[in-house]
Amino acid sequence: MIATTTDLKTDTIPDTTRIKPAHLHTSCHSKQNIMSTPAVVETKTIELANSGSKAIIVCINRPSKKNCFDTEVVHILSEIFGKIADTHDEELAAIIFTGKGKSFCAGADLSNPPNPLIQSSDLPECLAVNPVHHMNRITVPIIGALQGYVITGGFELALACDILVGDESTKFRDTHVKFGLAPCWGLSQKLQRRVGPGRAKLISYSAMPVTAKVAYEWGLLDELVAAGVEGSSSSLRRAIEIADNIGSQDLKMVRRYKQALEQGGKMELQKGLQRERELGIAHYLEIMNDGNTFEGAKDYITDDKRPRLQSKL
């Protein structure tokens, strides 16, 4: 059985991941202090039904504004992702990043946009309020559960995820050139690594919308699912299934595999292969004498009673 958003067990997220920026001094989720307006970002820790591991769902909650982010949302996302990056939880399998309602995120709320000079800066005090910087520090996989509009800054937030699942309503668009804006969260570099330089140029130079079908065919979406019924997110359900599958693996190795992929992906091939070998040596030096790793693999392979997946090839 795969857990759904209605029957999942939830744990309390530490208050430090749920508060507004320090200058606001108000807890978004405190039961003792009921807010007159809902939190603009919701977080929930869930227990995954099959693996028993955990996942954290981070959800932008501004559906009336298509989940456009303002300065407050950016600061809260930075605090949430920063807290996750700084906390080591061996039972945590994945982060799921999504948006409430019909859209993931349609970009910046121009009534109070985050300062682009701050978001473009590498100064420590600026990186502290840069959500993508903190997403890049997280060691577990981040799964983006997308629907509806994924536009410009929202596009950049999606590209900060490791795995992207979208439903049929998902529509990407990079409008930086349309409005004379510069990307500062990695879109110019990450998009071409997903779809190739030619298609990235086509998308960004022309500000053309990219449908879910095209996004999947081009490799921008990793999985495409049918749109859910009203009030139900099929991409979120699928993201939870993927997190549960990840949760049944060796989570230490998942983290180390992510490290190898990310570090190697930033290098030319030979340096990447060398870095993979270095990480592999460090890993095996740690586990070779634990008496469990290879024995567990052998037991699994020789277990005649385990379920066998049928190949589709």
C-alpha atoms as a PDB file:
ATOM      1  CA  MET A   1       0.000   0.000   0.000  1.00  0.00           C
ATOM      2  CA  ILE A   2       1.297   3.460  -0.907  1.00  0.00           C
ATOM      3  CA  ALA A   3       0.504   6.193   1.591  1.00  0.00           C
ATOM      4  CA  THR A   4      -1.629   9.091   0.405  1.00  0.00           C
ATOM      5  CA  THR A   5      -1.835  12.653   1.605  1.00  0.00           C
ATOM      6  CA  THR A   6      -4.962  11.829   3.582  1.00  0.00           C
ATOM      7  CA  ASP A   7      -3.771   8.774   5.481  1.00  0.00           C
ATOM      8  CA  LEU A   8      -0.137   9.600   6.206  1.00  0.00           C
ATOM      9  CA  LYS A   9       1.234   9.743   9.692  1.00  0.00           C
ATOM     10  CA  THR A  10       2.643  13.172  10.451  1.00  0.00           C
ATOM     11  CA  ASP A  11       5.310  14.280  12.862  1.00  0.00           C
ATOM     12  CA  THR A  12       5.858  17.743  14.195  1.00  0.00           C
ATOM     13  CA  ILE A  13       8.343  19.749  12.146  1.00  0.00           C
ATOM     14  CA  PRO A  14      10.645  21.714  14.471  1.00  0.00           C
ATOM     15  CA  ASP A  15       9.399  25.270  14.929  1.00  0.00           C
ATOM     16  CA  THR A  16      12.635  26.575  13.443  1.00  0.00           C
ATOM     17  CA  THR A  17      11.560  25.227  10.056  1.00  0.00           C
ATOM     18  CA  ARG A  18       8.129  26.770  10.254  1.00  0.00           C
ATOM     19  CA  ILE A  19       8.704  30.286  11.447  1.00  0.00           C
ATOM     20  CA  LYS A  20       8.620  33.407   9.389  1.00  0.00           C
ATOM     21  CA  PRO A  21      11.818  35.458   8.989  1.00  0.00           C
ATOM     22  CA  ALA A  22      13.289  36.582  12.291  1.00  0.00           C
ATOM     23  CA  HIS A  23      12.101  40.158  11.949  1.00  0.00           C
ATOM     24  CA  LEU A  24       8.467  38.990  11.824  1.00  0.00           C
ATOM     25  CA  HIS A  25       8.681  37.042  15.118  1.00  0.00           C
ATOM     26  CA  THR A  26       5.563  34.961  14.392  1.00  0.00           C
ATOM     27  CA  SER A  27       5.219  31.188  14.199  1.00  0.00           C
ATOM     28  CA  CYS A  28       3.247  30.093  11.146  1.00  0.00           C
ATOM     29  CA  HIS A  29       2.169  26.764  12.619  1.00  0.00           C
ATOM     30  CA  SER A  30       1.999  27.306  16.372  1.00  0.00           C
ATOM     31  CA  LYS A  31      -1.107  25.734  17.869  1.00  0.00           C
ATOM     32  CA  GLN A  32      -0.895  28.223  20.717  1.00  0.00           C
ATOM     33  CA  ASN A  33      -1.001  31.186  18.344  1.00  0.00           C
ATOM     34  CA  ILE A  34      -3.696  30.614  15.716  1.00  0.00           C
ATOM     35  CA  MET A  35      -2.989  32.836  12.719  1.00  0.00           C
ATOM     36  CA  SER A  36      -5.773  34.718  10.998  1.00  0.00           C
ATOM     37  CA  THR A  37      -4.142  33.906   7.657  1.00  0.00           C
ATOM     38  CA  PRO A  38      -2.712  30.537   6.606  1.00  0.00           C
ATOM     39  CA  ALA A  39       1.033  29.921   6.437  1.00  0.00           C
ATOM     40  CA  VAL A  40       2.480  30.835   3.047  1.00  0.00           C
ATOM     41  CA  VAL A  41       4.682  27.723   3.191  1.00  0.00           C
ATOM     42  CA  GLU A  42       3.500  24.466   4.739  1.00  0.00           C
ATOM     43  CA  THR A  43       5.731  21.608   5.867  1.00  0.00           C
ATOM     44  CA  LYS A  44       4.817  18.105   6.926  1.00  0.00           C
ATOM     45  CA  THR A  45       6.884  15.065   7.869  1.00  0.00           C
ATOM     46  CA  ILE A  46       5.316  11.821   6.681  1.00  0.00           C
ATOM     47  CA  GLU A  47       5.996   8.181   7.409  1.00  0.00           C
ATOM     48  CA  LEU A  48       6.252   6.233   4.164  1.00  0.00           C
ATOM     49  CA  ALA A  49       3.893   3.267   4.178  1.00  0.00           C
ATOM     50  CA  ASN A  50       6.069   0.490   2.787  1.00  0.00           C
ATOM     51  CA  SER A  51       9.621   1.415   3.765  1.00  0.00           C
ATOM     52  CA  GLY A  52       8.892   2.983   7.151  1.00  0.00           C
ATOM     53  CA  SER A  53      11.317   5.785   6.263  1.00  0.00           C
ATOM     54  CA  LYS A  54      10.376   9.448   6.371  1.00  0.00           C
ATOM     55  CA  ALA A  55       9.896  12.219   3.840  1.00  0.00           C
ATOM     56  CA  ILE A  56       9.323  15.930   4.324  1.00  0.00           C
ATOM     57  CA  ILE A  57       6.778  17.681   2.115  1.00  0.00           C
ATOM     58  CA  VAL A  58       7.437  21.387   1.548  1.00  0.00           C
ATOM     59  CA  CYS A  59       4.481  23.164  -0.065  1.00  0.00           C
ATOM     60  CA  ILE A  60       4.147  26.770  -1.209  1.00  0.00           C
ATOM     61  CA  ASN A  61       0.674  27.801  -0.049  1.00  0.00           C
ATOM     62  CA  ARG A  62      -0.433  30.784  -2.121  1.00  0.00           C
ATOM     63  CA  PRO A  63      -2.856  29.148  -4.557  1.00  0.00           C
ATOM     64  CA  SER A  64      -4.792  32.362  -5.186  1.00  0.00           C
ATOM     65  CA  LYS A  65      -1.546  33.848  -6.556  1.00  0.00           C
ATOM     66  CA  LYS A  66      -0.535  30.700  -8.445  1.00  0.00           C
ATOM     67  CA  ASN A  67       2.059  30.211  -5.683  1.00  0.00           C
ATOM     68  CA  CYS A  68       4.118  33.178  -6.821  1.00  0.00           C
ATOM     69  CA  PHE A  69       6.827  33.853  -4.267  1.00  0.00           C
ATOM     70  CA  ASP A  70       7.451  37.161  -2.553  1.00  0.00           C
ATOM     71  CA  THR A  71      10.271  38.127  -0.207  1.00  0.00           C
ATOM     72  CA  GLU A  72       8.561  36.445   2.743  1.00  0.00           C
ATOM     73  CA  VAL A  73       8.136  33.122   0.908  1.00  0.00           C
ATOM     74  CA  VAL A  74      11.763  33.161  -0.234  1.00  0.00           C
ATOM     75  CA  HIS A  75      12.987  33.773   3.319  1.00  0.00           C
ATOM     76  CA  ILE A  76      10.797  31.008   4.741  1.00  0.00           C
ATOM     77  CA  LEU A  77      11.871  28.522   2.054  1.00  0.00           C
ATOM     78  CA  SER A  78      15.494  29.413   2.797  1.00  0.00           C
ATOM     79  CA  GLU A  79      14.965  28.771   6.483  1.00  0.00           C
ATOM     80  CA  ILE A  80      13.147  25.472   5.914  1.00  0.00           C
ATOM     81  CA  PHE A  81      15.666  24.080   3.427  1.00  0.00           C
ATOM     82  CA  GLY A  82      18.576  25.403   5.487  1.00  0.00           C
ATOM     83  CA  LYS A  83      17.281  23.619   8.578  1.00  0.00           C
ATOM     84  CA  ILE A  84      16.855  20.370   6.642  1.00  0.00           C
ATOM     85  CA  ALA A  85      20.391  20.671   5.222  1.00  0.00           C
ATOM     86  CA  ASP A  86      21.848  21.228   8.689  1.00  0.00           C
ATOM     87  CA  THR A  87      19.952  18.331  10.328  1.00  0.00           C
ATOM     88  CA  HIS A  88      21.134  14.765   9.780  1.00  0.00           C
ATOM     89  CA  ASP A  89      18.261  12.302   9.989  1.00  0.00           C
ATOM     90  CA  GLU A  90      19.226   8.753   9.036  1.00  0.00           C
ATOM     91  CA  GLU A  91      15.558   7.832   8.463  1.00  0.00           C
ATOM     92  CA  LEU A  92      14.904  10.683   6.028  1.00  0.00           C
ATOM     93  CA  ALA A  93      14.553   9.313   2.487  1.00  0.00           C
ATOM     94  CA  ALA A  94      13.602  12.387   0.474  1.00  0.00           C
ATOM     95  CA  ILE A  95      12.223  15.910   0.336  1.00  0.00           C
ATOM     96  CA  ILE A  96       9.101  16.516  -1.761  1.00  0.00           C
ATOM     97  CA  PHE A  97       8.673  20.093  -3.021  1.00  0.00           C
ATOM     98  CA  THR A  98       5.270  21.120  -4.375  1.00  0.00           C
ATOM     99  CA  GLY A  99       2.689  23.897  -4.548  1.00  0.00           C
ATOM    100  CA  LYS A 100      -0.874  24.062  -3.259  1.00  0.00           C
ATOM    101  CA  GLY A 101      -3.691  24.170  -5.803  1.00  0.00           C
ATOM    102  CA  LYS A 102      -3.439  24.211  -9.575  1.00  0.00           C
ATOM    103  CA  SER A 103       0.136  25.494 -10.009  1.00  0.00           C
ATOM    104  CA  PHE A 104       3.580  24.698  -8.685  1.00  0.00           C
ATOM    105  CA  CYS A 105       4.925  28.258  -8.880  1.00  0.00           C
ATOM    106  CA  ALA A 106       4.319  30.968 -11.478  1.00  0.00           C
ATOM    107  CA  GLY A 107       7.408  32.986 -10.568  1.00  0.00           C
ATOM    108  CA  ALA A 108       7.924  36.116  -8.504  1.00  0.00           C
ATOM    109  CA  ASP A 109       5.118  38.166  -6.974  1.00  0.00           C
ATOM    110  CA  LEU A 110       5.954  41.575  -8.399  1.00  0.00           C
ATOM    111  CA  SER A 111       4.108  43.350  -5.585  1.00  0.00           C
ATOM    112  CA  ASN A 112       6.993  42.373  -3.269  1.00  0.00           C
ATOM    113  CA  PRO A 113       9.673  40.498  -5.217  1.00  0.00           C
ATOM    114  CA  PRO A 114      12.877  39.306  -3.559  1.00  0.00           C
ATOM    115  CA  ASN A 115      15.829  41.609  -4.157  1.00  0.00           C
ATOM    116  CA  PRO A 116      17.645  40.213  -7.235  1.00  0.00           C
ATOM    117  CA  LEU A 117      20.969  41.698  -6.144  1.00  0.00           C
ATOM    118  CA  ILE A 118      20.741  39.743  -2.885  1.00  0.00           C
ATOM    119  CA  GLN A 119      19.627  36.560  -4.662  1.00  0.00           C
ATOM    120  CA  SER A 120      22.533  36.871  -7.147  1.00  0.00           C
ATOM    121  CA  SER A 121      25.209  37.459  -4.510  1.00  0.00           C
ATOM    122  CA  ASP A 122      27.653  34.927  -3.063  1.00  0.00           C
ATOM    123  CA  LEU A 123      28.074  36.888   0.167  1.00  0.00           C
ATOM    124  CA  PRO A 124      27.256  34.673   3.181  1.00  0.00           C
ATOM    125  CA  GLU A 125      24.509  36.989   4.449  1.00  0.00           C
ATOM    126  CA  CYS A 126      22.861  36.849   1.008  1.00  0.00           C
ATOM    127  CA  LEU A 127      23.221  33.091   0.596  1.00  0.00           C
ATOM    128  CA  ALA A 128      21.448  32.743   3.954  1.00  0.00           C
ATOM    129  CA  VAL A 129      18.201  33.899   2.295  1.00  0.00           C
ATOM    130  CA  ASN A 130      18.741  32.092  -1.033  1.00  0.00           C
ATOM    131  CA  PRO A 131      16.473  28.996  -1.116  1.00  0.00           C
ATOM    132  CA  VAL A 132      18.266  27.335  -4.032  1.00  0.00           C
ATOM    133  CA  HIS A 133      21.597  27.637  -2.219  1.00  0.00           C
ATOM    134  CA  HIS A 134      20.123  25.674   0.690  1.00  0.00           C
ATOM    135  CA  MET A 135      18.421  23.146  -1.612  1.00  0.00           C
ATOM    136  CA  ASN A 136      21.836  22.482  -3.139  1.00  0.00           C
ATOM    137  CA  ARG A 137      23.181  21.656   0.346  1.00  0.00           C
ATOM    138  CA  ILE A 138      20.572  18.966   1.079  1.00  0.00           C
ATOM    139  CA  THR A 139      22.076  15.475   0.912  1.00  0.00           C
ATOM    140  CA  VAL A 140      18.883  13.464   0.294  1.00  0.00           C
ATOM    141  CA  PRO A 141      17.012  13.470  -3.038  1.00  0.00           C
ATOM    142  CA  ILE A 142      14.591  16.340  -3.630  1.00  0.00           C
ATOM    143  CA  ILE A 143      11.543  15.344  -5.678  1.00  0.00           C
ATOM    144  CA  GLY A 144       9.568  18.115  -7.373  1.00  0.00           C
ATOM    145  CA  ALA A 145       5.842  17.355  -7.633  1.00  0.00           C
ATOM    146  CA  LEU A 146       4.635  19.725 -10.339  1.00  0.00           C
ATOM    147  CA  GLN A 147       1.339  20.823 -11.802  1.00  0.00           C
ATOM    148  CA  GLY A 148       0.123  23.863 -13.687  1.00  0.00           C
ATOM    149  CA  TYR A 149       2.427  26.828 -14.135  1.00  0.00           C
ATOM    150  CA  VAL A 150       6.182  26.438 -13.602  1.00  0.00           C
ATOM    151  CA  ILE A 151       7.375  29.847 -14.739  1.00  0.00           C
ATOM    152  CA  THR A 152      10.702  31.725 -14.577  1.00  0.00           C
ATOM    153  CA  GLY A 153      11.661  31.792 -10.874  1.00  0.00           C
ATOM    154  CA  GLY A 154       9.335  28.824 -10.328  1.00  0.00           C
ATOM    155  CA  PHE A 155      11.161  27.105 -13.195  1.00  0.00           C
ATOM    156  CA  GLU A 156      14.437  27.710 -11.336  1.00  0.00           C
ATOM    157  CA  LEU A 157      13.024  26.282  -8.104  1.00  0.00           C
ATOM    158  CA  ALA A 158      11.948  23.167 -10.019  1.00  0.00           C
ATOM    159  CA  LEU A 159      15.406  22.763 -11.549  1.00  0.00           C
ATOM    160  CA  ALA A 160      16.892  22.749  -8.035  1.00  0.00           C
ATOM    161  CA  CYS A 161      15.146  19.390  -7.505  1.00  0.00           C
ATOM    162  CA  ASP A 162      16.815  16.075  -8.319  1.00  0.00           C
ATOM    163  CA  ILE A 163      13.739  14.367  -9.781  1.00  0.00           C
ATOM    164  CA  LEU A 164      10.797  16.093 -11.463  1.00  0.00           C
ATOM    165  CA  VAL A 165       7.334  14.531 -11.660  1.00  0.00           C
ATOM    166  CA  GLY A 166       4.604  16.483 -13.431  1.00  0.00           C
ATOM    167  CA  ASP A 167       1.001  15.913 -14.389  1.00  0.00           C
ATOM    168  CA  GLU A 168      -0.549  16.695 -17.764  1.00  0.00           C
ATOM    169  CA  SER A 169      -1.398  20.263 -16.732  1.00  0.00           C
ATOM    170  CA  THR A 170       2.261  21.171 -16.156  1.00  0.00           C
ATOM    171  CA  LYS A 171       3.531  24.013 -18.324  1.00  0.00           C
ATOM    172  CA  PHE A 172       7.073  25.415 -18.160  1.00  0.00           C
ATOM    173  CA  ARG A 173       8.079  28.863 -19.349  1.00  0.00           C
ATOM    174  CA  ASP A 174      11.228  30.955 -18.980  1.00  0.00           C
ATOM    175  CA  THR A 175      10.242  34.615 -19.375  1.00  0.00           C
ATOM    176  CA  HIS A 176      13.515  36.242 -18.290  1.00  0.00           C
ATOM    177  CA  VAL A 177      14.238  37.677 -21.751  1.00  0.00           C
ATOM    178  CA  LYS A 178      10.624  38.767 -22.210  1.00  0.00           C
ATOM    179  CA  PHE A 179      10.894  41.185 -19.291  1.00  0.00           C
ATOM    180  CA  GLY A 180      14.613  41.997 -19.369  1.00  0.00           C
ATOM    181  CA  LEU A 181      15.452  39.906 -16.284  1.00  0.00           C
ATOM    182  CA  ALA A 182      18.517  37.776 -15.557  1.00  0.00           C
ATOM    183  CA  PRO A 183      18.350  34.302 -14.025  1.00  0.00           C
ATOM    184  CA  CYS A 184      20.150  34.012 -10.684  1.00  0.00           C
ATOM    185  CA  TRP A 185      19.111  30.575  -9.362  1.00  0.00           C
ATOM    186  CA  GLY A 186      20.815  28.475 -12.033  1.00  0.00           C
ATOM    187  CA  LEU A 187      18.345  28.238 -14.922  1.00  0.00           C
ATOM    188  CA  SER A 188      20.883  29.153 -17.624  1.00  0.00           C
ATOM    189  CA  GLN A 189      23.159  26.301 -16.535  1.00  0.00           C
ATOM    190  CA  LYS A 190      20.812  23.590 -15.283  1.00  0.00           C
ATOM    191  CA  LEU A 191      18.269  23.664 -18.125  1.00  0.00           C
ATOM    192  CA  GLN A 192      20.837  22.853 -20.830  1.00  0.00           C
ATOM    193  CA  ARG A 193      22.099  19.954 -18.747  1.00  0.00           C
ATOM    194  CA  ARG A 194      18.596  18.482 -18.772  1.00  0.00           C
ATOM    195  CA  VAL A 195      17.458  19.135 -22.336  1.00  0.00           C
ATOM    196  CA  GLY A 196      20.680  19.958 -24.212  1.00  0.00           C
ATOM    197  CA  PRO A 197      22.023  23.379 -25.218  1.00  0.00           C
ATOM    198  CA  GLY A 198      19.941  23.727 -28.391  1.00  0.00           C
ATOM    199  CA  ARG A 199      16.589  23.130 -26.727  1.00  0.00           C
ATOM    200  CA  ALA A 200      17.599  25.250 -23.736  1.00  0.00           C
ATOM    201  CA  LYS A 201      18.342  28.144 -26.087  1.00  0.00           C
ATOM    202  CA  LEU A 202      15.016  27.634 -27.849  1.00  0.00           C
ATOM    203  CA  ILE A 203      13.131  27.693 -24.550  1.00  0.00           C
ATOM    204  CA  SER A 204      14.952  30.668 -23.049  1.00  0.00           C
ATOM    205  CA  TYR A 205      15.598  32.878 -26.101  1.00  0.00           C
ATOM    206  CA  SER A 206      11.976  32.680 -27.292  1.00  0.00           C
ATOM    207  CA  ALA A 207      10.204  32.524 -23.902  1.00  0.00           C
ATOM    208  CA  MET A 208       8.114  29.740 -25.439  1.00  0.00           C
ATOM    209  CA  PRO A 209       5.748  27.676 -23.249  1.00  0.00           C
ATOM    210  CA  VAL A 210       6.706  24.009 -22.927  1.00  0.00           C
ATOM    211  CA  THR A 211       3.827  21.588 -22.424  1.00  0.00           C
ATOM    212  CA  ALA A 212       4.045  18.592 -20.134  1.00  0.00           C
ATOM    213  CA  LYS A 213       4.204  16.194 -23.097  1.00  0.00           C
ATOM    214  CA  VAL A 214       7.100  18.056 -24.723  1.00  0.00           C
ATOM    215  CA  ALA A 215       8.846  18.466 -21.353  1.00  0.00           C
ATOM    216  CA  TYR A 216       8.717  14.709 -20.828  1.00  0.00           C
ATOM    217  CA  GLU A 217       9.918  13.945 -24.359  1.00  0.00           C
ATOM    218  CA  TRP A 218      12.830  16.373 -23.966  1.00  0.00           C
ATOM    219  CA  GLY A 219      13.875  15.057 -20.530  1.00  0.00           C
ATOM    220  CA  LEU A 220      12.787  18.087 -18.550  1.00  0.00           C
ATOM    221  CA  LEU A 221      10.199  15.979 -16.713  1.00  0.00           C
ATOM    222  CA  ASP A 222      11.431  12.633 -15.442  1.00  0.00           C
ATOM    223  CA  GLU A 223       7.912  11.209 -15.100  1.00  0.00           C
ATOM    224  CA  LEU A 224       4.587  12.337 -16.543  1.00  0.00           C
ATOM    225  CA  VAL A 225       1.360  11.288 -14.814  1.00  0.00           C
ATOM    226  CA  ALA A 226      -2.299  11.854 -15.598  1.00  0.00           C
ATOM    227  CA  ALA A 227      -3.834  14.927 -14.011  1.00  0.00           C
ATOM    228  CA  GLY A 228      -5.600  14.263 -10.709  1.00  0.00           C
ATOM    229  CA  VAL A 229      -9.236  14.962  -9.980  1.00  0.00           C
ATOM    230  CA  GLU A 230     -10.178  18.324  -8.483  1.00  0.00           C
ATOM    231  CA  GLY A 231      -8.487  18.766  -5.104  1.00  0.00           C
ATOM    232  CA  SER A 232      -6.132  15.809  -5.619  1.00  0.00           C
ATOM    233  CA  SER A 233      -2.540  15.938  -6.855  1.00  0.00           C
ATOM    234  CA  SER A 234      -1.463  12.935  -8.897  1.00  0.00           C
ATOM    235  CA  SER A 235       2.107  14.257  -9.147  1.00  0.00           C
ATOM    236  CA  LEU A 236       2.303  14.466  -5.338  1.00  0.00           C
ATOM    237  CA  ARG A 237       1.010  10.900  -4.995  1.00  0.00           C
ATOM    238  CA  ARG A 238       3.610   9.670  -7.466  1.00  0.00           C
ATOM    239  CA  ALA A 239       6.355  11.653  -5.695  1.00  0.00           C
ATOM    240  CA  ILE A 240       5.411   9.943  -2.424  1.00  0.00           C
ATOM    241  CA  GLU A 241       5.617   6.542  -4.140  1.00  0.00           C
ATOM    242  CA  ILE A 242       9.110   7.388  -5.435  1.00  0.00           C
ATOM    243  CA  ALA A 243      10.166   8.583  -1.975  1.00  0.00           C
ATOM    244  CA  ASP A 244       8.872   5.317  -0.505  1.00  0.00           C
ATOM    245  CA  ASN A 245      10.873   3.338  -3.052  1.00  0.00           C
ATOM    246  CA  ILE A 246      13.999   5.346  -2.199  1.00  0.00           C
ATOM    247  CA  GLY A 247      13.247   4.789   1.486  1.00  0.00           C
ATOM    248  CA  SER A 248      13.519   1.025   1.062  1.00  0.00           C
ATOM    249  CA  GLN A 249      17.125   1.316  -0.174  1.00  0.00           C
ATOM    250  CA  ASP A 250      20.366   1.818   1.769  1.00  0.00           C
ATOM    251  CA  LEU A 251      19.880   5.488   2.657  1.00  0.00           C
ATOM    252  CA  LYS A 252      23.536   6.096   3.423  1.00  0.00           C
ATOM    253  CA  MET A 253      24.418   4.911  -0.069  1.00  0.00           C
ATOM    254  CA  VAL A 254      21.615   7.010  -1.573  1.00  0.00           C
ATOM    255  CA  ARG A 255      23.213  10.110  -0.046  1.00  0.00           C
ATOM    256  CA  ARG A 256      26.646   9.119  -1.254  1.00  0.00           C
ATOM    257  CA  TYR A 257      25.359   8.310  -4.737  1.00  0.00           C
ATOM    258  CA  LYS A 258      23.779  11.760  -4.890  1.00  0.00           C
ATOM    259  CA  GLN A 259      27.111  13.265  -3.869  1.00  0.00           C
ATOM    260  CA  ALA A 260      28.914  11.344  -6.626  1.00  0.00           C
ATOM    261  CA  LEU A 261      26.356  12.336  -9.266  1.00  0.00           C
ATOM    262  CA  GLU A 262      26.345  16.001  -8.309  1.00  0.00           C
ATOM    263  CA  GLN A 263      30.079  16.427  -7.901  1.00  0.00           C
ATOM    264  CA  GLY A 264      30.903  14.362 -10.972  1.00  0.00           C
ATOM    265  CA  GLY A 265      28.291  16.180 -13.046  1.00  0.00           C
ATOM    266  CA  LYS A 266      30.146  19.447 -12.511  1.00  0.00           C
ATOM    267  CA  MET A 267      33.404  18.034 -13.882  1.00  0.00           C
ATOM    268  CA  GLU A 268      34.611  16.876 -17.253  1.00  0.00           C
ATOM    269  CA  LEU A 269      34.161  13.117 -17.720  1.00  0.00           C
ATOM    270  CA  GLN A 270      37.628  11.932 -16.683  1.00  0.00           C
ATOM    271  CA  LYS A 271      37.635  14.058 -13.538  1.00  0.00           C
ATOM    272  CA  GLY A 272      34.100  12.897 -12.791  1.00  0.00           C
ATOM    273  CA  LEU A 273      35.113   9.247 -13.112  1.00  0.00           C
ATOM    274  CA  GLN A 274      38.090   9.901 -10.860  1.00  0.00           C
ATOM    275  CA  ARG A 275      35.839  11.564  -8.283  1.00  0.00           C
ATOM    276  CA  GLU A 276      33.467   8.571  -8.420  1.00  0.00           C
ATOM    277  CA  ARG A 277      36.405   6.260  -7.688  1.00  0.00           C
ATOM    278  CA  GLU A 278      37.540   8.432  -4.770  1.00  0.00           C
ATOM    279  CA  LEU A 279      34.071   8.419  -3.234  1.00  0.00           C
ATOM    280  CA  GLY A 280      33.797   4.670  -3.833  1.00  0.00           C
ATOM    281  CA  ILE A 281      37.088   3.972  -2.071  1.00  0.00           C
ATOM    282  CA  ALA A 282      36.024   6.112   0.904  1.00  0.00           C
ATOM    283  CA  HIS A 283      32.693   4.282   1.096  1.00  0.00           C
ATOM    284  CA  TYR A 284      34.138   0.768   0.889  1.00  0.00           C
ATOM    285  CA  LEU A 285      36.912   1.516   3.366  1.00  0.00           C
ATOM    286  CA  GLU A 286      34.123   2.262   5.822  1.00  0.00           C
ATOM    287  CA  ILE A 287      31.852  -0.706   5.138  1.00  0.00           C
ATOM    288  CA  MET A 288      34.111  -3.562   4.022  1.00  0.00           C
ATOM    289  CA  ASN A 289      34.499  -4.893   7.537  1.00  0.00           C
ATOM    290  CA  ASP A 290      30.957  -4.388   8.797  1.00  0.00           C
ATOM    291  CA  GLY A 291      29.980  -7.951   7.868  1.00  0.00           C
ATOM    292  CA  ASN A 292      26.607  -6.835   6.544  1.00  0.00           C
ATOM    293  CA  THR A 293      26.826  -5.174   3.145  1.00  0.00           C
ATOM    294  CA  PHE A 294      27.878  -8.031   0.879  1.00  0.00           C
ATOM    295  CA  GLU A 295      26.204 -10.674   2.990  1.00  0.00           C
ATOM    296  CA  GLY A 296      22.930  -8.776   2.725  1.00  0.00           C
ATOM    297  CA  ALA A 297      23.309  -8.556  -1.052  1.00  0.00           C
ATOM    298  CA  LYS A 298      24.060 -12.268  -1.337  1.00  0.00           C
ATOM    299  CA  ASP A 299      21.106 -13.172   0.851  1.00  0.00           C
ATOM    300  CA  TYR A 300      18.827 -11.031  -1.325  1.00  0.00           C
ATOM    301  CA  ILE A 301      20.063 -12.535  -4.593  1.00  0.00           C
ATOM    302  CA  THR A 302      19.738 -16.110  -3.364  1.00  0.00           C
ATOM    303  CA  ASP A 303      16.331 -15.660  -1.721  1.00  0.00           C
ATOM    304  CA  ASP A 304      13.961 -17.745  -3.860  1.00  0.00           C
ATOM    305  CA  LYS A 305      10.917 -16.398  -2.002  1.00  0.00           C
ATOM    306  CA  ARG A 306      11.460 -12.709  -2.728  1.00  0.00           C
ATOM    307  CA  PRO A 307       9.111 -11.066  -5.276  1.00  0.00           C
ATOM    308  CA  ARG A 308      10.548 -10.920  -8.787  1.00  0.00           C
ATOM    309  CA  LEU A 309       9.905  -7.893 -10.977  1.00  0.00           C
ATOM    310  CA  GLN A 310       9.070  -8.698 -14.570  1.00  0.00           C
ATOM    311  CA  SER A 311      11.211  -6.824 -17.076  1.00  0.00           C
ATOM    312  CA  LYS A 312       9.358  -4.706 -19.626  1.00  0.00           C
ATOM    313  CA  LEU A 313      12.237  -4.886 -22.087  1.00  0.00           C
END
